[in-house]
Protein backbone atom coordinates (compact mmCIF):
# COMPACT_ATOMS: atom_id res chain seq x y z
CA UNK A 1 -13.85 -25.85 14.82
CA UNK A 2 -10.44 -27.67 14.54
CA UNK A 3 -8.21 -24.79 14.86
CA UNK A 4 -6.67 -25.51 11.36
CA UNK A 5 -5.80 -22.29 9.47
CA UNK A 6 -5.54 -22.10 5.67
CA UNK A 7 -3.59 -19.20 3.95
CA UNK A 8 -4.14 -18.20 0.51
CA UNK A 9 -1.66 -15.73 -1.49
CA UNK A 10 -2.80 -14.14 -4.65
CA UNK A 11 0.24 -12.64 -6.53
CA UNK A 12 -1.18 -10.22 -9.19
CA UNK A 13 0.30 -7.94 -11.60
CA UNK A 14 0.56 -5.13 -9.04
CA UNK A 15 -0.33 -6.34 -5.63
CA UNK A 16 -0.52 -9.30 -3.35
CA UNK A 17 -3.72 -10.39 -1.49
CA UNK A 18 -3.44 -12.57 1.53
CA UNK A 19 -6.43 -14.46 3.07
CA UNK A 20 -6.54 -16.63 6.07
CA UNK A 21 -9.53 -19.05 6.75
CA UNK A 22 -10.63 -21.82 9.04
CA UNK A 23 -13.22 -24.35 8.90
CA UNK A 24 -16.71 -23.07 10.02
CA UNK A 25 -19.04 -25.10 12.31
CA UNK A 26 -21.54 -25.48 9.47
CA UNK A 27 -19.01 -27.03 7.30
CA UNK A 28 -17.99 -24.12 5.27
CA UNK A 29 -15.21 -21.73 5.75
CA UNK A 30 -14.87 -18.64 7.76
CA UNK A 31 -12.53 -15.96 6.65
CA UNK A 32 -10.62 -14.61 9.69
CA UNK A 33 -8.15 -12.17 7.89
CA UNK A 34 -7.63 -10.47 4.72
CA UNK A 35 -4.97 -8.14 3.78
CA UNK A 36 -3.81 -6.41 0.37
CA UNK A 37 -0.57 -4.67 -0.41
CA UNK A 38 0.92 -3.07 -3.43
CA UNK A 39 4.06 -4.83 -4.79
CA UNK A 40 6.63 -3.32 -7.30
CA UNK A 41 8.24 -6.87 -7.43
CA UNK A 42 5.50 -8.20 -9.71
CA UNK A 43 5.16 -7.36 -13.37
CA UNK A 44 2.20 -9.26 -15.28
CA UNK A 45 1.78 -11.83 -12.65
CA UNK A 46 5.60 -12.73 -12.70
CA UNK A 47 8.16 -12.14 -10.04
CA UNK A 48 10.84 -9.51 -11.21
CA UNK A 49 12.16 -8.63 -7.93
CA UNK A 50 12.24 -11.45 -5.45
CA UNK A 51 13.66 -9.58 -2.50
CA UNK A 52 10.51 -6.86 -3.00
CA UNK A 53 7.97 -9.57 -3.11
CA UNK A 54 9.28 -11.45 -0.19
CA UNK A 55 9.28 -8.28 1.99
CA UNK A 56 5.61 -7.56 0.91
CA UNK A 57 4.62 -11.23 1.75
CA UNK A 58 6.30 -11.07 5.10
CA UNK A 59 4.66 -7.64 5.86
CA UNK A 60 1.37 -9.14 4.97
CA UNK A 61 1.88 -12.34 7.18
CA UNK A 62 3.03 -10.02 9.96
CA UNK A 63 -0.28 -8.07 9.78
CA UNK A 64 -2.40 -11.19 9.63
CA UNK A 65 -0.51 -12.74 12.54
CA UNK A 66 -1.19 -9.54 14.85
CA UNK A 67 -5.16 -9.88 14.37
């Protein structure tokens, strides 16, 4: 494994999902972290409160970083 990490954020209508993956030895990907959090800064997939959305993303990043 190369140690390269990829992070994916899914900003939905009411929650944010963060996933971290790395290349697997078999050529696929291995999920190394997954966190979900509700977010009141989103409505119908659009950001309506940037500060709330940023706080939620920061909290998810901190949770994933501590694993």
